[in-house]
């Protein structure tokens, strides 16, 4: 229901310890399917180094505009 209250040109960037798994689950099960093109999933900076190398390359917060120096840890 949250997405129903957002403007049509919104962009959501969830920063989550397991953002990579959240993204995979959304793709696999079709959750938020109509909103996926308006979302970027990111892993918090310290957790990214505990993930596999491909996960770091795709989901590290330093790779995306809008996060600045936010580490996502508090």
PDB file of N, CA and C in Angstrom:
ATOM      1  N   UNK A   1       0.804  -1.193   0.000  1.00  0.00           N
ATOM      2  CA  UNK A   1       0.000   0.000   0.000  1.00  0.00           C
ATOM      3  C   UNK A   1       0.852   1.264   0.000  1.00  0.00           C
ATOM      4  N   UNK A   2       2.075   1.176   0.451  1.00  0.00           N
ATOM      5  CA  UNK A   2       2.953   2.341   0.461  1.00  0.00           C
ATOM      6  C   UNK A   2       3.102   2.926  -0.938  1.00  0.00           C
ATOM      7  N   UNK A   3       3.296   2.066  -1.913  1.00  0.00           N
ATOM      8  CA  UNK A   3       3.543   2.531  -3.275  1.00  0.00           C
ATOM      9  C   UNK A   3       2.349   3.273  -3.865  1.00  0.00           C
ATOM     10  N   UNK A   4       1.170   2.997  -3.377  1.00  0.00           N
ATOM     11  CA  UNK A   4      -0.029   3.685  -3.862  1.00  0.00           C
ATOM     12  C   UNK A   4      -0.020   5.161  -3.486  1.00  0.00           C
ATOM     13  N   UNK A   5       0.736   5.525  -2.460  1.00  0.00           N
ATOM     14  CA  UNK A   5       0.763   6.897  -1.967  1.00  0.00           C
ATOM     15  C   UNK A   5       1.957   7.694  -2.484  1.00  0.00           C
ATOM     16  N   UNK A   6       2.796   7.079  -3.282  1.00  0.00           N
ATOM     17  CA  UNK A   6       3.971   7.763  -3.815  1.00  0.00           C
ATOM     18  C   UNK A   6       3.663   8.362  -5.180  1.00  0.00           C
ATOM     19  N   UNK A   7       4.342   9.447  -5.552  1.00  0.00           N
ATOM     20  CA  UNK A   7       4.110  10.043  -6.871  1.00  0.00           C
ATOM     21  C   UNK A   7       4.564   9.090  -7.976  1.00  0.00           C
ATOM     22  N   UNK A   8       4.074   9.276  -9.193  1.00  0.00           N
ATOM     23  CA  UNK A   8       4.387   8.345 -10.282  1.00  0.00           C
ATOM     24  C   UNK A   8       5.864   8.291 -10.669  1.00  0.00           C
ATOM     25  N   UNK A   9       6.630   9.313 -10.386  1.00  0.00           N
ATOM     26  CA  UNK A   9       8.046   9.322 -10.772  1.00  0.00           C
ATOM     27  C   UNK A   9       8.979   9.056  -9.582  1.00  0.00           C
ATOM     28  N   UNK A  10       8.509   8.316  -8.601  1.00  0.00           N
ATOM     29  CA  UNK A  10       9.306   8.022  -7.410  1.00  0.00           C
ATOM     30  C   UNK A  10      10.422   7.024  -7.717  1.00  0.00           C
ATOM     31  N   UNK A  11      11.402   6.971  -6.815  1.00  0.00           N
ATOM     32  CA  UNK A  11      12.469   5.983  -6.896  1.00  0.00           C
ATOM     33  C   UNK A  11      12.785   5.553  -5.469  1.00  0.00           C
ATOM     34  N   UNK A  12      12.747   4.258  -5.195  1.00  0.00           N
ATOM     35  CA  UNK A  12      12.988   3.713  -3.858  1.00  0.00           C
ATOM     36  C   UNK A  12      14.308   2.958  -3.873  1.00  0.00           C
ATOM     37  N   UNK A  13      15.159   3.232  -2.877  1.00  0.00           N
ATOM     38  CA  UNK A  13      16.456   2.576  -2.792  1.00  0.00           C
ATOM     39  C   UNK A  13      16.625   1.943  -1.409  1.00  0.00           C
ATOM     40  N   UNK A  14      16.057   0.748  -1.203  1.00  0.00           N
ATOM     41  CA  UNK A  14      16.203   0.120   0.111  1.00  0.00           C
ATOM     42  C   UNK A  14      17.655  -0.268   0.394  1.00  0.00           C
ATOM     43  N   UNK A  15      18.140   0.139   1.539  1.00  0.00           N
ATOM     44  CA  UNK A  15      19.485  -0.180   1.999  1.00  0.00           C
ATOM     45  C   UNK A  15      19.317  -1.203   3.116  1.00  0.00           C
ATOM     46  N   UNK A  16      19.714  -2.447   2.848  1.00  0.00           N
ATOM     47  CA  UNK A  16      19.404  -3.550   3.753  1.00  0.00           C
ATOM     48  C   UNK A  16      20.595  -4.498   3.804  1.00  0.00           C
ATOM     49  N   UNK A  17      20.846  -5.086   4.965  1.00  0.00           N
ATOM     50  CA  UNK A  17      21.991  -5.987   5.138  1.00  0.00           C
ATOM     51  C   UNK A  17      22.006  -7.112   4.112  1.00  0.00           C
ATOM     52  N   UNK A  18      20.840  -7.589   3.747  1.00  0.00           N
ATOM     53  CA  UNK A  18      20.754  -8.649   2.743  1.00  0.00           C
ATOM     54  C   UNK A  18      19.918  -8.167   1.550  1.00  0.00           C
ATOM     55  N   UNK A  19      20.214  -6.950   1.106  1.00  0.00           N
ATOM     56  CA  UNK A  19      19.509  -6.369  -0.039  1.00  0.00           C
ATOM     57  C   UNK A  19      19.617  -7.228  -1.286  1.00  0.00           C
ATOM     58  N   UNK A  20      20.744  -7.920  -1.432  1.00  0.00           N
ATOM     59  CA  UNK A  20      20.940  -8.800  -2.587  1.00  0.00           C
ATOM     60  C   UNK A  20      19.928  -9.949  -2.560  1.00  0.00           C
ATOM     61  N   UNK A  21      19.708 -10.528  -1.387  1.00  0.00           N
ATOM     62  CA  UNK A  21      18.744 -11.622  -1.263  1.00  0.00           C
ATOM     63  C   UNK A  21      17.314 -11.118  -1.419  1.00  0.00           C
ATOM     64  N   UNK A  22      17.049  -9.933  -0.911  1.00  0.00           N
ATOM     65  CA  UNK A  22      15.727  -9.331  -1.065  1.00  0.00           C
ATOM     66  C   UNK A  22      15.417  -9.116  -2.545  1.00  0.00           C
ATOM     67  N   UNK A  23      16.399  -8.615  -3.292  1.00  0.00           N
ATOM     68  CA  UNK A  23      16.231  -8.405  -4.729  1.00  0.00           C
ATOM     69  C   UNK A  23      15.961  -9.731  -5.446  1.00  0.00           C
ATOM     70  N   UNK A  24      16.747 -10.746  -5.145  1.00  0.00           N
ATOM     71  CA  UNK A  24      16.547 -12.067  -5.765  1.00  0.00           C
ATOM     72  C   UNK A  24      15.175 -12.636  -5.444  1.00  0.00           C
ATOM     73  N   UNK A  25      14.743 -12.499  -4.204  1.00  0.00           N
ATOM     74  CA  UNK A  25      13.429 -13.018  -3.807  1.00  0.00           C
ATOM     75  C   UNK A  25      12.302 -12.283  -4.521  1.00  0.00           C
ATOM     76  N   UNK A  26      12.420 -10.971  -4.631  1.00  0.00           N
ATOM     77  CA  UNK A  26      11.397 -10.193  -5.350  1.00  0.00           C
ATOM     78  C   UNK A  26      11.312 -10.637  -6.804  1.00  0.00           C
ATOM     79  N   UNK A  27      12.474 -10.858  -7.427  1.00  0.00           N
ATOM     80  CA  UNK A  27      12.488 -11.339  -8.815  1.00  0.00           C
ATOM     81  C   UNK A  27      11.903 -12.743  -8.929  1.00  0.00           C
ATOM     82  N   UNK A  28      12.323 -13.622  -8.042  1.00  0.00           N
ATOM     83  CA  UNK A  28      11.906 -15.021  -8.103  1.00  0.00           C
ATOM     84  C   UNK A  28      10.410 -15.195  -7.888  1.00  0.00           C
ATOM     85  N   UNK A  29       9.855 -14.496  -6.908  1.00  0.00           N
ATOM     86  CA  UNK A  29       8.459 -14.691  -6.532  1.00  0.00           C
ATOM     87  C   UNK A  29       7.515 -13.631  -7.098  1.00  0.00           C
ATOM     88  N   UNK A  30       8.053 -12.670  -7.833  1.00  0.00           N
ATOM     89  CA  UNK A  30       7.201 -11.650  -8.446  1.00  0.00           C
ATOM     90  C   UNK A  30       6.667 -10.616  -7.467  1.00  0.00           C
ATOM     91  N   UNK A  31       7.303 -10.525  -6.310  1.00  0.00           N
ATOM     92  CA  UNK A  31       6.893  -9.533  -5.317  1.00  0.00           C
ATOM     93  C   UNK A  31       7.308  -8.151  -5.819  1.00  0.00           C
ATOM     94  N   UNK A  32       6.420  -7.189  -5.732  1.00  0.00           N
ATOM     95  CA  UNK A  32       6.674  -5.814  -6.179  1.00  0.00           C
ATOM     96  C   UNK A  32       7.006  -5.740  -7.668  1.00  0.00           C
ATOM     97  N   UNK A  33       6.523  -6.698  -8.424  1.00  0.00           N
ATOM     98  CA  UNK A  33       6.855  -6.807  -9.842  1.00  0.00           C
ATOM     99  C   UNK A  33       6.636  -5.503 -10.609  1.00  0.00           C
ATOM    100  N   UNK A  34       5.529  -4.844 -10.375  1.00  0.00           N
ATOM    101  CA  UNK A  34       5.226  -3.626 -11.122  1.00  0.00           C
ATOM    102  C   UNK A  34       6.054  -2.425 -10.652  1.00  0.00           C
ATOM    103  N   UNK A  35       6.809  -2.578  -9.566  1.00  0.00           N
ATOM    104  CA  UNK A  35       7.612  -1.471  -9.043  1.00  0.00           C
ATOM    105  C   UNK A  35       9.116  -1.703  -9.173  1.00  0.00           C
ATOM    106  N   UNK A  36       9.524  -2.850  -9.653  1.00  0.00           N
ATOM    107  CA  UNK A  36      10.947  -3.181  -9.693  1.00  0.00           C
ATOM    108  C   UNK A  36      11.769  -2.197 -10.528  1.00  0.00           C
ATOM    109  N   UNK A  37      11.179  -1.619 -11.564  1.00  0.00           N
ATOM    110  CA  UNK A  37      11.935  -0.672 -12.383  1.00  0.00           C
ATOM    111  C   UNK A  37      12.130   0.665 -11.669  1.00  0.00           C
ATOM    112  N   UNK A  38      11.499   0.848 -10.525  1.00  0.00           N
ATOM    113  CA  UNK A  38      11.626   2.076  -9.728  1.00  0.00           C
ATOM    114  C   UNK A  38      12.440   1.830  -8.463  1.00  0.00           C
ATOM    115  N   UNK A  39      13.142   0.694  -8.404  1.00  0.00           N
ATOM    116  CA  UNK A  39      13.864   0.339  -7.180  1.00  0.00           C
ATOM    117  C   UNK A  39      15.307  -0.044  -7.472  1.00  0.00           C
ATOM    118  N   UNK A  40      16.179   0.266  -6.521  1.00  0.00           N
ATOM    119  CA  UNK A  40      17.568  -0.170  -6.540  1.00  0.00           C
ATOM    120  C   UNK A  40      17.847  -0.785  -5.179  1.00  0.00           C
ATOM    121  N   UNK A  41      18.286  -2.019  -5.153  1.00  0.00           N
ATOM    122  CA  UNK A  41      18.589  -2.699  -3.892  1.00  0.00           C
ATOM    123  C   UNK A  41      20.078  -2.557  -3.603  1.00  0.00           C
ATOM    124  N   UNK A  42      20.401  -2.246  -2.351  1.00  0.00           N
ATOM    125  CA  UNK A  42      21.778  -1.984  -1.960  1.00  0.00           C
ATOM    126  C   UNK A  42      22.061  -2.675  -0.628  1.00  0.00           C
ATOM    127  N   UNK A  43      23.309  -3.094  -0.449  1.00  0.00           N
ATOM    128  CA  UNK A  43      23.752  -3.724   0.799  1.00  0.00           C
ATOM    129  C   UNK A  43      24.574  -2.700   1.578  1.00  0.00           C
ATOM    130  N   UNK A  44      24.357  -2.622   2.880  1.00  0.00           N
ATOM    131  CA  UNK A  44      25.113  -1.679   3.707  1.00  0.00           C
ATOM    132  C   UNK A  44      26.609  -1.958   3.577  1.00  0.00           C
ATOM    133  N   UNK A  45      27.396  -0.925   3.703  1.00  0.00           N
ATOM    134  CA  UNK A  45      28.812  -0.976   3.337  1.00  0.00           C
ATOM    135  C   UNK A  45      29.613  -2.036   4.101  1.00  0.00           C
ATOM    136  N   UNK A  46      29.403  -2.180   5.387  1.00  0.00           N
ATOM    137  CA  UNK A  46      30.185  -3.154   6.151  1.00  0.00           C
ATOM    138  C   UNK A  46      29.721  -4.582   5.882  1.00  0.00           C
ATOM    139  N   UNK A  47      28.427  -4.754   5.635  1.00  0.00           N
ATOM    140  CA  UNK A  47      27.930  -6.085   5.316  1.00  0.00           C
ATOM    141  C   UNK A  47      28.354  -6.518   3.918  1.00  0.00           C
ATOM    142  N   UNK A  48      28.551  -5.573   3.026  1.00  0.00           N
ATOM    143  CA  UNK A  48      28.938  -5.914   1.651  1.00  0.00           C
ATOM    144  C   UNK A  48      30.214  -6.746   1.628  1.00  0.00           C
ATOM    145  N   UNK A  49      31.147  -6.461   2.522  1.00  0.00           N
ATOM    146  CA  UNK A  49      32.419  -7.183   2.531  1.00  0.00           C
ATOM    147  C   UNK A  49      32.295  -8.600   3.083  1.00  0.00           C
ATOM    148  N   UNK A  50      31.172  -8.921   3.688  1.00  0.00           N
ATOM    149  CA  UNK A  50      30.924 -10.283   4.149  1.00  0.00           C
ATOM    150  C   UNK A  50      30.208 -11.108   3.086  1.00  0.00           C
ATOM    151  N   UNK A  51      29.792 -10.457   2.021  1.00  0.00           N
ATOM    152  CA  UNK A  51      29.090 -11.140   0.938  1.00  0.00           C
ATOM    153  C   UNK A  51      30.089 -11.580  -0.121  1.00  0.00           C
ATOM    154  N   UNK A  52      29.642 -12.406  -1.030  1.00  0.00           N
ATOM    155  CA  UNK A  52      30.501 -12.883  -2.105  1.00  0.00           C
ATOM    156  C   UNK A  52      30.882 -11.726  -3.020  1.00  0.00           C
ATOM    157  N   UNK A  53      31.991 -11.879  -3.730  1.00  0.00           N
ATOM    158  CA  UNK A  53      32.508 -10.836  -4.610  1.00  0.00           C
ATOM    159  C   UNK A  53      31.467 -10.334  -5.620  1.00  0.00           C
ATOM    160  N   UNK A  54      30.730 -11.199  -6.325  1.00  0.00           N
ATOM    161  CA  UNK A  54      29.714 -10.688  -7.266  1.00  0.00           C
ATOM    162  C   UNK A  54      28.659  -9.819  -6.580  1.00  0.00           C
ATOM    163  N   UNK A  55      28.305 -10.152  -5.364  1.00  0.00           N
ATOM    164  CA  UNK A  55      27.335  -9.356  -4.608  1.00  0.00           C
ATOM    165  C   UNK A  55      27.907  -7.969  -4.320  1.00  0.00           C
ATOM    166  N   UNK A  56      29.176  -7.902  -3.956  1.00  0.00           N
ATOM    167  CA  UNK A  56      29.812  -6.616  -3.688  1.00  0.00           C
ATOM    168  C   UNK A  56      29.819  -5.744  -4.937  1.00  0.00           C
ATOM    169  N   UNK A  57      30.086  -6.342  -6.071  1.00  0.00           N
ATOM    170  CA  UNK A  57      30.160  -5.591  -7.326  1.00  0.00           C
ATOM    171  C   UNK A  57      28.808  -4.986  -7.687  1.00  0.00           C
ATOM    172  N   UNK A  58      27.752  -5.720  -7.500  1.00  0.00           N
ATOM    173  CA  UNK A  58      26.421  -5.271  -7.920  1.00  0.00           C
ATOM    174  C   UNK A  58      25.723  -4.418  -6.863  1.00  0.00           C
ATOM    175  N   UNK A  59      25.845  -4.761  -5.590  1.00  0.00           N
ATOM    176  CA  UNK A  59      24.998  -4.165  -4.557  1.00  0.00           C
ATOM    177  C   UNK A  59      25.694  -3.204  -3.587  1.00  0.00           C
ATOM    178  N   UNK A  60      26.960  -2.940  -3.748  1.00  0.00           N
ATOM    179  CA  UNK A  60      27.677  -2.048  -2.829  1.00  0.00           C
ATOM    180  C   UNK A  60      27.133  -0.624  -2.951  1.00  0.00           C
ATOM    181  N   UNK A  61      26.859   0.018  -1.825  1.00  0.00           N
ATOM    182  CA  UNK A  61      26.223   1.344  -1.830  1.00  0.00           C
ATOM    183  C   UNK A  61      27.084   2.434  -2.463  1.00  0.00           C
ATOM    184  N   UNK A  62      28.383   2.252  -2.520  1.00  0.00           N
ATOM    185  CA  UNK A  62      29.251   3.265  -3.126  1.00  0.00           C
ATOM    186  C   UNK A  62      29.114   3.300  -4.651  1.00  0.00           C
ATOM    187  N   UNK A  63      28.448   2.319  -5.221  1.00  0.00           N
ATOM    188  CA  UNK A  63      28.285   2.249  -6.671  1.00  0.00           C
ATOM    189  C   UNK A  63      27.054   3.006  -7.173  1.00  0.00           C
ATOM    190  N   UNK A  64      26.234   3.525  -6.272  1.00  0.00           N
ATOM    191  CA  UNK A  64      24.973   4.149  -6.678  1.00  0.00           C
ATOM    192  C   UNK A  64      24.911   5.616  -6.279  1.00  0.00           C
ATOM    193  N   UNK A  65      24.373   6.425  -7.166  1.00  0.00           N
ATOM    194  CA  UNK A  65      24.158   7.839  -6.875  1.00  0.00           C
ATOM    195  C   UNK A  65      23.082   7.986  -5.808  1.00  0.00           C
ATOM    196  N   UNK A  66      23.237   8.984  -4.981  1.00  0.00           N
ATOM    197  CA  UNK A  66      22.214   9.274  -3.990  1.00  0.00           C
ATOM    198  C   UNK A  66      22.538   8.789  -2.589  1.00  0.00           C
ATOM    199  N   UNK A  67      23.513   7.904  -2.449  1.00  0.00           N
ATOM    200  CA  UNK A  67      23.857   7.400  -1.123  1.00  0.00           C
ATOM    201  C   UNK A  67      24.958   8.214  -0.458  1.00  0.00           C
ATOM    202  N   UNK A  68      25.736   8.915  -1.240  1.00  0.00           N
ATOM    203  CA  UNK A  68      26.834   9.704  -0.682  1.00  0.00           C
ATOM    204  C   UNK A  68      27.773   8.813   0.102  1.00  0.00           C
ATOM    205  N   UNK A  69      28.119   9.236   1.298  1.00  0.00           N
ATOM    206  CA  UNK A  69      29.003   8.450   2.158  1.00  0.00           C
ATOM    207  C   UNK A  69      28.232   7.654   3.203  1.00  0.00           C
ATOM    208  N   UNK A  70      26.931   7.508   3.008  1.00  0.00           N
ATOM    209  CA  UNK A  70      26.096   6.738   3.930  1.00  0.00           C
ATOM    210  C   UNK A  70      26.555   5.285   3.949  1.00  0.00           C
ATOM    211  N   UNK A  71      26.823   4.771   5.145  1.00  0.00           N
ATOM    212  CA  UNK A  71      27.267   3.383   5.228  1.00  0.00           C
ATOM    213  C   UNK A  71      26.121   2.439   5.539  1.00  0.00           C
ATOM    214  N   UNK A  72      24.973   2.981   5.934  1.00  0.00           N
ATOM    215  CA  UNK A  72      23.808   2.150   6.195  1.00  0.00           C
ATOM    216  C   UNK A  72      23.853   1.398   7.503  1.00  0.00           C
ATOM    217  N   UNK A  73      24.679   1.839   8.416  1.00  0.00           N
ATOM    218  CA  UNK A  73      24.835   1.126   9.683  1.00  0.00           C
ATOM    219  C   UNK A  73      24.287   1.903  10.877  1.00  0.00           C
ATOM    220  N   UNK A  74      23.530   2.935  10.626  1.00  0.00           N
ATOM    221  CA  UNK A  74      22.950   3.613  11.771  1.00  0.00           C
ATOM    222  C   UNK A  74      22.916   5.076  11.722  1.00  0.00           C
TER     223      UNK A  74
END
